[in-house]
Protein backbone atom coordinates (compact mmCIF):
# COMPACT_ATOMS: atom_id res chain seq x y z
CA MET A 1 0.32 -0.06 -0.07
CA ALA A 2 2.50 2.24 0.58
CA VAL A 3 4.29 1.88 -2.67
CA LYS A 4 1.39 2.43 -4.24
CA ARG A 5 0.72 5.92 -2.72
CA TRP A 6 4.10 6.66 -3.51
CA ALA A 7 3.89 5.88 -7.14
CA ALA A 8 0.68 8.33 -6.86
CA ALA A 9 2.27 11.03 -5.39
CA VAL A 10 4.87 10.91 -8.16
CA LEU A 11 2.33 11.11 -10.70
CA LEU A 12 0.36 13.76 -8.70
CA ALA A 13 3.46 16.07 -8.76
CA PHE A 14 4.32 15.01 -12.09
CA ALA A 15 0.70 16.10 -13.51
CA SER A 16 0.74 19.25 -11.36
CA ALA A 17 4.39 20.61 -12.82
CA ALA A 18 3.45 19.15 -16.47
CA GLY A 19 0.05 20.64 -16.49
CA ALA A 20 -1.81 17.40 -16.35
CA GLN A 21 -0.53 15.98 -19.95
CA GLU A 22 -2.15 12.79 -21.55
CA PRO A 23 0.02 9.78 -19.82
CA ILE A 24 1.97 7.89 -22.35
CA ARG A 25 0.48 4.16 -21.44
CA LEU A 26 2.40 1.21 -21.92
CA GLY A 27 0.17 -1.92 -21.67
CA MET A 28 1.85 -4.83 -20.01
CA ILE A 29 0.31 -8.26 -20.86
CA ASP A 30 2.10 -10.97 -18.61
CA GLY A 31 0.64 -13.83 -16.30
CA LEU A 32 0.00 -12.14 -13.23
CA SER A 33 -1.95 -14.81 -11.73
CA GLY A 34 -1.20 -19.06 -12.09
CA PRO A 35 1.75 -20.91 -11.90
CA PHE A 36 4.18 -18.15 -13.06
CA ALA A 37 2.43 -14.85 -11.57
CA ASN A 38 5.62 -14.24 -9.37
CA ALA A 39 7.52 -13.92 -12.92
CA GLY A 40 4.81 -11.22 -13.92
CA GLU A 41 5.01 -9.43 -10.41
CA ALA A 42 8.59 -9.03 -10.85
CA VAL A 43 8.75 -7.85 -14.18
CA VAL A 44 6.02 -5.29 -13.02
CA ARG A 45 8.39 -3.81 -10.66
CA ASN A 46 11.55 -3.31 -12.79
CA LEU A 47 9.19 -1.57 -15.36
CA ARG A 48 7.49 0.73 -12.74
CA LEU A 49 11.05 1.48 -11.31
CA ALA A 50 12.10 2.61 -15.10
CA ILE A 51 8.75 4.54 -15.62
CA GLU A 52 9.23 6.43 -12.63
CA ARG A 53 12.62 6.96 -13.18
CA VAL A 54 11.38 8.91 -16.59
CA ASN A 55 8.77 10.54 -15.21
CA ALA A 56 11.06 11.97 -12.12
CA ARG A 57 12.86 14.00 -14.65
CA GLY A 58 10.34 15.22 -16.01
CA GLY A 59 8.42 12.70 -18.42
CA VAL A 60 9.17 12.38 -22.32
CA GLN A 61 9.01 15.25 -24.45
CA THR A 62 6.49 15.16 -27.42
CA ALA A 63 5.20 17.61 -29.91
CA GLU A 64 2.11 18.03 -27.32
CA GLY A 65 4.18 18.99 -24.41
CA ARG A 66 6.18 16.63 -21.57
CA ARG A 67 4.03 13.37 -21.03
CA PRO A 68 4.55 10.91 -18.11
CA MET A 69 4.18 7.22 -18.64
CA GLU A 70 2.05 5.11 -17.36
CA LEU A 71 1.78 1.14 -16.64
CA VAL A 72 -1.34 -0.54 -17.48
CA THR A 73 -1.23 -4.39 -16.38
CA PHE A 74 -3.36 -6.98 -18.09
CA ASP A 75 -3.14 -10.30 -16.49
CA SER A 76 -2.78 -12.88 -19.40
CA LYS A 77 -2.74 -15.88 -16.73
CA GLY A 78 0.12 -17.17 -18.32
CA ASN A 79 -1.61 -18.35 -21.80
CA VAL A 80 -1.80 -17.86 -25.27
CA ASP A 81 -5.75 -17.49 -25.51
CA GLU A 82 -6.23 -15.13 -22.76
CA SER A 83 -3.16 -13.06 -23.89
CA LEU A 84 -5.26 -12.36 -27.09
CA ILE A 85 -8.49 -11.46 -25.32
CA GLN A 86 -6.28 -8.67 -23.06
CA PHE A 87 -4.51 -7.77 -26.53
CA ARG A 88 -8.13 -6.80 -27.77
CA SER A 89 -8.81 -5.09 -24.69
CA LEU A 90 -5.55 -3.12 -24.84
CA VAL A 91 -5.85 -1.71 -28.40
CA ASP A 92 -9.60 -1.06 -27.57
CA ARG A 93 -8.46 1.38 -24.78
CA GLY A 94 -5.84 3.02 -27.49
CA ILE A 95 -2.79 1.72 -25.61
CA PRO A 96 0.12 2.28 -28.42
CA PHE A 97 2.68 -0.07 -26.73
CA VAL A 98 2.63 -3.79 -26.02
CA LEU A 99 4.78 -5.07 -23.41
CA GLN A 100 5.05 -8.76 -22.82
CA GLY A 101 8.10 -11.27 -22.53
CA ASN A 102 7.56 -14.25 -20.20
CA SER A 103 6.38 -17.03 -22.76
CA SER A 104 7.51 -17.46 -26.36
CA ALA A 105 4.28 -18.65 -27.75
CA VAL A 106 2.42 -15.96 -26.34
CA ALA A 107 5.08 -13.52 -27.93
CA GLY A 108 4.47 -15.54 -31.23
CA ALA A 109 0.95 -14.80 -31.12
CA LEU A 110 0.93 -11.41 -30.16
CA VAL A 111 3.44 -10.93 -33.23
CA SER A 112 1.11 -12.24 -35.51
CA ALA A 113 -2.00 -10.60 -33.90
CA ILE A 114 -0.19 -7.13 -34.19
CA ASN A 115 0.58 -7.72 -37.69
CA ARG A 116 -3.09 -8.29 -38.85
CA HIS A 117 -4.06 -5.18 -36.33
CA ASN A 118 -1.57 -2.62 -37.72
CA SER A 119 -2.61 -3.92 -41.10
CA ARG A 120 -6.16 -3.16 -40.63
CA GLN A 121 -5.92 -0.25 -38.64
CA PRO A 122 -3.08 2.30 -39.75
CA ASP A 123 -4.50 4.74 -37.56
CA GLY A 124 -4.26 2.76 -34.40
CA ARG A 125 -0.97 0.81 -34.75
CA VAL A 126 0.89 -0.59 -31.93
CA LEU A 127 4.39 -1.55 -31.06
CA PHE A 128 5.56 -4.70 -29.36
CA MET A 129 8.51 -4.20 -27.02
CA ASN A 130 9.82 -7.75 -25.72
CA TYR A 131 11.74 -7.86 -22.40
CA SER A 132 11.95 -11.65 -21.77
CA ALA A 133 10.12 -13.83 -24.96
CA VAL A 134 13.88 -15.46 -26.53
CA ASP A 135 12.82 -17.91 -29.20
CA PRO A 136 14.88 -17.10 -32.28
CA VAL A 137 12.18 -17.49 -34.64
CA LEU A 138 10.82 -14.20 -33.43
CA THR A 139 13.89 -12.51 -34.95
CA ASN A 140 14.18 -14.47 -37.90
CA GLU A 141 11.41 -16.41 -39.83
CA GLN A 142 8.79 -14.31 -37.70
CA CYS A 143 10.57 -11.13 -37.34
CA SER A 144 8.30 -8.06 -38.17
CA PHE A 145 8.61 -4.45 -38.16
CA TRP A 146 6.37 -4.13 -35.42
CA HIS A 147 8.60 -5.95 -32.48
CA PHE A 148 11.57 -5.27 -30.56
CA ARG A 149 13.35 -8.12 -28.46
CA PHE A 150 15.63 -6.29 -25.47
CA ASP A 151 16.86 -9.61 -24.50
CA ALA A 152 19.41 -11.82 -25.86
CA SER A 153 17.78 -14.66 -28.24
CA ALA A 154 17.67 -18.48 -27.17
CA ASP A 155 20.62 -19.01 -29.05
CA MET A 156 22.99 -15.93 -28.14
CA ARG A 157 22.18 -17.22 -24.48
CA MET A 158 22.88 -21.15 -25.37
CA GLU A 159 26.14 -19.49 -27.11
CA ALA A 160 27.49 -17.97 -24.05
CA LEU A 161 26.66 -20.97 -21.74
CA THR A 162 28.42 -23.71 -24.16
CA GLU A 163 31.59 -21.31 -24.38
CA VAL A 164 32.01 -21.80 -20.81
CA ILE A 165 31.45 -25.93 -21.01
CA ARG A 166 33.89 -25.70 -24.17
CA SER A 167 36.46 -25.34 -21.66
CA ASP A 168 35.10 -27.09 -18.79
CA ALA A 169 36.98 -30.57 -18.58
CA THR A 170 34.68 -31.94 -16.15
CA VAL A 171 31.72 -31.86 -18.25
CA ARG A 172 31.37 -35.31 -20.33
CA LYS A 173 27.93 -36.36 -20.11
CA VAL A 174 25.04 -33.59 -20.52
CA TYR A 175 21.13 -34.14 -19.78
CA VAL A 176 18.60 -31.16 -21.49
CA ILE A 177 15.77 -30.98 -19.84
CA SER A 178 12.97 -28.24 -20.46
CA GLN A 179 9.69 -27.23 -20.83
CA ASP A 180 7.63 -28.63 -23.57
CA TYR A 181 6.80 -25.51 -25.79
CA SER A 182 8.32 -23.60 -28.54
CA PHE A 183 11.28 -22.26 -26.48
CA GLY A 184 11.54 -25.26 -24.43
CA HIS A 185 12.46 -27.35 -28.22
CA GLN A 186 14.46 -24.36 -29.15
CA VAL A 187 16.57 -24.73 -26.04
CA SER A 188 17.13 -28.49 -26.84
CA ARG A 189 18.35 -28.48 -30.45
CA LEU A 190 20.46 -25.37 -29.56
CA ALA A 191 22.30 -27.09 -26.79
CA ARG A 192 23.08 -30.23 -29.30
CA ASP A 193 24.07 -28.40 -32.17
CA MET A 194 26.24 -26.52 -29.90
CA LEU A 195 27.95 -28.89 -28.14
CA ALA A 196 28.54 -31.15 -31.29
CA ALA A 197 30.33 -28.30 -32.93
CA LYS A 198 32.26 -26.80 -29.61
CA ARG A 199 32.82 -30.12 -27.82
CA PRO A 200 32.30 -33.68 -29.82
CA ASP A 201 33.61 -35.56 -26.95
CA ILE A 202 30.50 -34.75 -24.73
CA ARG A 203 27.69 -37.31 -24.68
CA VAL A 204 23.82 -35.75 -24.20
CA VAL A 205 22.66 -38.80 -22.35
CA GLY A 206 18.95 -37.51 -21.96
CA ASP A 207 16.96 -34.96 -23.86
CA GLU A 208 13.48 -34.26 -22.32
CA PHE A 209 10.17 -31.98 -22.06
CA HIS A 210 7.67 -31.41 -19.50
CA PRO A 211 4.36 -29.92 -19.52
CA ILE A 212 4.88 -26.26 -18.87
CA GLY A 213 3.92 -24.97 -15.21
CA LYS A 214 2.12 -28.05 -14.37
CA ILE A 215 4.73 -30.35 -12.57
CA LYS A 216 4.75 -29.99 -8.77
CA ASP A 217 7.44 -32.66 -7.77
CA PHE A 218 10.64 -33.17 -10.16
CA ALA A 219 11.93 -36.00 -8.03
CA PRO A 220 11.00 -38.58 -10.79
CA TYR A 221 12.69 -36.25 -13.24
CA VAL A 222 15.58 -35.53 -11.47
CA ALA A 223 16.00 -39.53 -10.69
CA LYS A 224 16.23 -40.35 -14.39
CA ILE A 225 18.88 -37.31 -14.51
CA LYS A 226 20.89 -38.89 -11.44
CA ALA A 227 20.51 -42.42 -13.10
CA SER A 228 22.30 -41.11 -16.38
CA GLY A 229 25.17 -40.48 -14.84
CA ALA A 230 24.99 -36.49 -16.65
CA ASP A 231 27.26 -34.33 -14.79
CA ALA A 232 25.69 -31.50 -16.38
CA VAL A 233 22.37 -30.45 -16.87
CA ILE A 234 21.25 -27.79 -19.40
CA THR A 235 17.69 -26.34 -18.96
CA GLY A 236 15.92 -23.13 -20.46
CA ASN A 237 13.23 -23.53 -17.09
CA TRP A 238 12.28 -20.60 -15.74
CA GLY A 239 9.88 -19.73 -12.74
CA ASN A 240 8.57 -22.30 -10.50
CA ASP A 241 9.46 -24.91 -13.49
CA LEU A 242 13.30 -24.20 -12.31
CA THR A 243 12.91 -23.78 -8.63
CA LEU A 244 11.00 -26.86 -8.13
CA MET A 245 13.37 -28.83 -10.46
CA VAL A 246 16.61 -27.25 -8.35
CA LYS A 247 14.96 -27.79 -5.50
CA ALA A 248 14.51 -31.95 -6.19
CA ALA A 249 18.05 -31.98 -7.19
CA ARG A 250 18.89 -30.85 -3.86
CA GLU A 251 16.88 -33.09 -2.18
CA ALA A 252 18.24 -35.83 -4.11
CA GLY A 253 21.38 -35.12 -3.62
CA LEU A 254 22.28 -34.48 -7.31
CA ALA A 255 26.14 -33.58 -7.83
CA ALA A 256 25.85 -32.46 -11.27
CA ARG A 257 26.08 -28.47 -12.08
CA PHE A 258 23.03 -26.82 -13.87
CA TYR A 259 24.09 -24.68 -16.83
CA THR A 260 20.61 -22.13 -16.87
CA PHE A 261 19.41 -19.44 -18.20
CA TYR A 262 17.54 -18.28 -15.17
CA GLY A 263 19.03 -20.03 -12.22
CA ASN A 264 19.80 -16.45 -10.65
CA GLY A 265 16.48 -15.87 -9.32
CA LEU A 266 12.75 -16.43 -8.29
CA GLY A 267 13.67 -18.55 -5.53
CA ALA A 268 16.30 -20.85 -7.26
CA PRO A 269 19.20 -20.15 -5.30
CA ALA A 270 17.41 -20.25 -2.15
CA ALA A 271 15.78 -23.53 -3.38
CA MET A 272 19.07 -25.19 -3.97
CA GLY A 273 21.04 -23.63 -0.97
CA ASP A 274 24.71 -24.95 -0.22
CA ALA A 275 24.12 -27.58 -3.11
CA GLY A 276 24.06 -24.94 -5.71
CA VAL A 277 27.71 -23.53 -4.52
CA GLY A 278 29.82 -23.78 -7.24
CA ARG A 279 27.05 -25.75 -9.69
CA VAL A 280 24.67 -23.70 -10.56
CA LEU A 281 25.62 -21.11 -13.60
CA ALA A 282 22.96 -18.59 -15.20
CA VAL A 283 23.39 -16.52 -18.14
CA ALA A 284 21.74 -12.55 -18.43
CA GLU A 285 22.92 -9.29 -20.05
CA TRP A 286 23.87 -7.78 -16.58
CA HIS A 287 24.15 -9.40 -12.72
CA PRO A 288 24.28 -7.50 -9.29
CA ASN A 289 28.04 -8.35 -8.94
CA VAL A 290 29.21 -7.31 -12.15
CA GLY A 291 31.48 -4.74 -9.93
CA GLY A 292 31.97 -0.74 -10.21
CA ALA A 293 30.30 2.05 -8.57
CA ALA A 294 27.57 2.33 -11.29
CA SER A 295 26.48 -1.19 -11.41
CA ASP A 296 26.23 -0.99 -7.59
CA ALA A 297 24.36 2.13 -7.72
CA PHE A 298 21.79 0.85 -10.34
CA TYR A 299 21.31 -2.08 -8.07
CA GLN A 300 21.02 0.01 -4.94
CA GLU A 301 18.31 2.07 -6.20
CA PHE A 302 16.30 -1.06 -6.84
CA ARG A 303 16.76 -2.30 -3.64
CA LYS A 304 15.76 1.04 -1.97
CA ARG A 305 12.91 0.96 -4.16
CA TYR A 306 11.74 -2.61 -3.09
CA PRO A 307 13.45 -3.79 0.07
CA GLU A 308 11.58 -6.68 0.47
CA PRO A 309 14.12 -9.89 0.03
CA ARG A 310 11.21 -11.65 -2.07
CA ASP A 311 10.79 -8.47 -4.58
CA ASP A 312 14.59 -8.57 -5.36
CA TYR A 313 14.43 -9.37 -9.16
CA VAL A 314 16.47 -6.52 -11.25
CA HIS A 315 17.05 -6.92 -14.79
CA LEU A 316 18.65 -4.27 -16.66
CA ARG A 317 17.18 -5.02 -19.77
CA MET A 318 13.61 -4.02 -18.53
CA GLN A 319 14.69 -0.87 -17.45
CA MET A 320 16.83 -0.17 -20.58
CA MET A 321 13.87 -0.82 -22.50
CA ILE A 322 11.89 1.79 -20.67
CA GLU A 323 15.14 4.16 -20.84
CA MET A 324 15.00 3.18 -25.16
CA LEU A 325 11.37 3.63 -25.75
CA ALA A 326 11.50 7.22 -23.58
CA ARG A 327 14.16 8.38 -25.96
CA ALA A 328 12.74 6.74 -29.04
CA ILE A 329 9.31 8.73 -28.81
CA GLU A 330 11.24 11.81 -27.66
CA LYS A 331 13.02 11.47 -31.24
CA ALA A 332 10.03 10.91 -32.91
CA GLY A 333 7.92 13.63 -31.82
CA SER A 334 4.49 11.33 -31.29
CA THR A 335 3.73 7.96 -30.29
CA ASP A 336 3.18 6.96 -33.43
CA ALA A 337 4.24 3.47 -34.41
CA VAL A 338 6.09 4.14 -37.44
CA LYS A 339 8.16 6.95 -36.31
CA VAL A 340 8.72 5.28 -33.17
CA ALA A 341 9.83 2.05 -34.58
CA ARG A 342 11.97 4.08 -37.00
CA ALA A 343 13.98 5.65 -33.98
CA LEU A 344 14.84 2.87 -32.26
CA GLU A 345 16.59 1.18 -35.36
CA GLY A 346 19.82 1.62 -34.58
CA MET A 347 19.86 3.13 -31.36
CA ARG A 348 22.53 2.85 -28.70
CA TYR A 349 22.04 2.35 -25.17
CA VAL A 350 25.31 3.35 -23.18
CA ASN A 351 25.89 3.72 -19.33
CA ASP A 352 28.76 3.12 -17.20
CA PHE A 353 28.39 -0.58 -17.25
CA HIS A 354 26.16 -1.35 -20.37
CA ASP A 355 26.53 -0.60 -23.94
CA ALA A 356 23.69 -2.31 -26.28
CA THR A 357 22.39 -1.49 -29.95
CA VAL A 358 19.18 -2.37 -31.49
CA ARG A 359 20.02 -4.22 -34.81
CA ALA A 360 17.84 -2.37 -37.78
CA ASP A 361 17.76 -5.60 -39.69
CA ASP A 362 15.70 -7.85 -37.30
CA HIS A 363 15.15 -5.51 -34.04
CA GLN A 364 17.11 -7.61 -31.79
CA VAL A 365 19.39 -5.98 -29.31
CA LEU A 366 22.77 -6.80 -29.36
CA GLN A 367 24.42 -6.61 -25.98
CA PRO A 368 27.61 -7.97 -23.74
CA LEU A 369 26.46 -11.23 -21.48
CA TYR A 370 27.69 -12.77 -18.42
CA VAL A 371 28.09 -16.17 -17.45
CA SER A 372 27.66 -16.43 -13.63
CA ILE A 373 27.83 -19.22 -10.92
CA MET A 374 26.42 -19.31 -7.65
CA ALA A 375 28.60 -18.46 -4.55
CA LYS A 376 28.03 -17.36 -0.79
CA GLN A 377 27.79 -14.16 -0.07
CA GLY A 378 30.93 -12.49 1.03
CA GLY A 379 34.33 -11.15 -0.32
CA ASP A 380 33.59 -10.19 -4.07
CA ILE A 381 29.74 -11.12 -3.67
CA ARG A 382 28.64 -8.39 -2.11
CA PHE A 383 25.37 -8.75 -2.81
CA ASP A 384 23.01 -11.82 -2.52
CA ASN A 385 19.93 -12.80 -4.19
CA GLU A 386 16.11 -12.46 -2.49
CA GLY A 387 17.91 -12.29 0.98
CA SER A 388 19.03 -16.22 0.07
CA GLY A 389 22.66 -15.68 1.50
CA TYR A 390 24.10 -16.80 -1.94
CA GLY A 391 25.03 -14.55 -5.18
CA PHE A 392 26.72 -14.73 -8.19
CA ARG A 393 30.13 -13.81 -9.50
CA THR A 394 31.18 -13.77 -13.03
CA VAL A 395 32.77 -16.72 -14.89
CA LYS A 396 32.87 -15.46 -18.23
CA ARG A 397 32.12 -11.95 -20.08
CA LEU A 398 30.82 -11.82 -23.70
CA LYS A 399 31.12 -9.06 -25.87
CA ALA A 400 28.22 -8.16 -27.88
CA ALA A 401 30.13 -9.00 -30.85
CA GLN A 402 30.83 -12.72 -29.36
CA THR A 403 27.24 -13.02 -28.87
CA THR A 404 25.98 -11.68 -32.25
CA LEU A 405 24.54 -14.05 -34.55
CA ALA A 406 23.57 -13.71 -38.33
CA THR A 407 19.71 -13.20 -38.86
CA ARG A 408 17.45 -14.55 -41.63
CA CYS A 409 14.71 -11.74 -41.27
CA GLN A 410 13.34 -10.72 -44.32
CA MET A 411 11.70 -7.99 -42.93
CA GLU A 412 8.20 -5.97 -44.38
CA ARG A 413 8.62 -2.38 -43.67
CA PRO A 414 5.60 -0.06 -44.03
């Protein structure tokens, strides 16, 4: 309640100073109930802080004057059909920007829906700002002028993880396990292809899919991993599907290393505990222990805004996305989808600890990636995750050029 009052006060102060200009509304469509509600709520916190930061400096300059940003949330319940229903509600309200990320299946459906909508209603076109849906098809075969991705794609993330595995002589047998939908199948294919190219001596001793958001007990899956003799697990699991799996691994005494896309948050470090130290790796565009005064200040600003340990889920890309969108609207002078999209193309985001560029060819953001490994807090592990007493330290930093992959996008432009 205190957070809501604080946010309302910020908006009220802005309205008084700016002559109560109509806000620029951003419509987030994601799961705010159901098995992945914690992931959706975590995104909301990142977006709200970024929007508050923009509004605190006067909002966004447009031809009509300075306007505040405002986040409007739509609960997709984590499924495609509900997401499309919420998309219709969003466009009926005249909201020009769609924000989504916690499902590549949903993202793919939204891209198709937005393509149709923008073709049929050129006076009410919208842009899709994707913060987490990483299926490579979204910036390849299904690329769209109306879609921008601010997260590294699955192939970029796998490129980073397998670069670490390349030099890890202890890895001889790998078990691949992921959620049974488009993204999970991409993780499986990419793991096999990249391991074959970089470490042909490694045996893939398991390649399994499980229903997304429906498994409550991963003990049977972990038993199979243990029986396979795998010394490493590669998984694209996220949210509770990851947390429950690593918890089951700890309880079973599985000694394998976990090479994950998202093992550094949403309860995973606490669930693994000491068993995860030196064994759980994650890949991201940033993490709290990257180091440097500017990075520390960025993280500490978030923790001051959201002091509860359970709210500690910080992603630079989500806040970077809002900053770049604000700049693009200012450059365009309006919220017109075509003008803002063209302003975003080629845009560069630079601060004292990050450097990212929007590739015009496919609207994929190119940026450095960090592979980090779980460790106990202390020494150079200044910050833990979610009050667990465990944080992450960098194992390998890959420059943007090292994770930049060719695109097959054949974009149709208005």
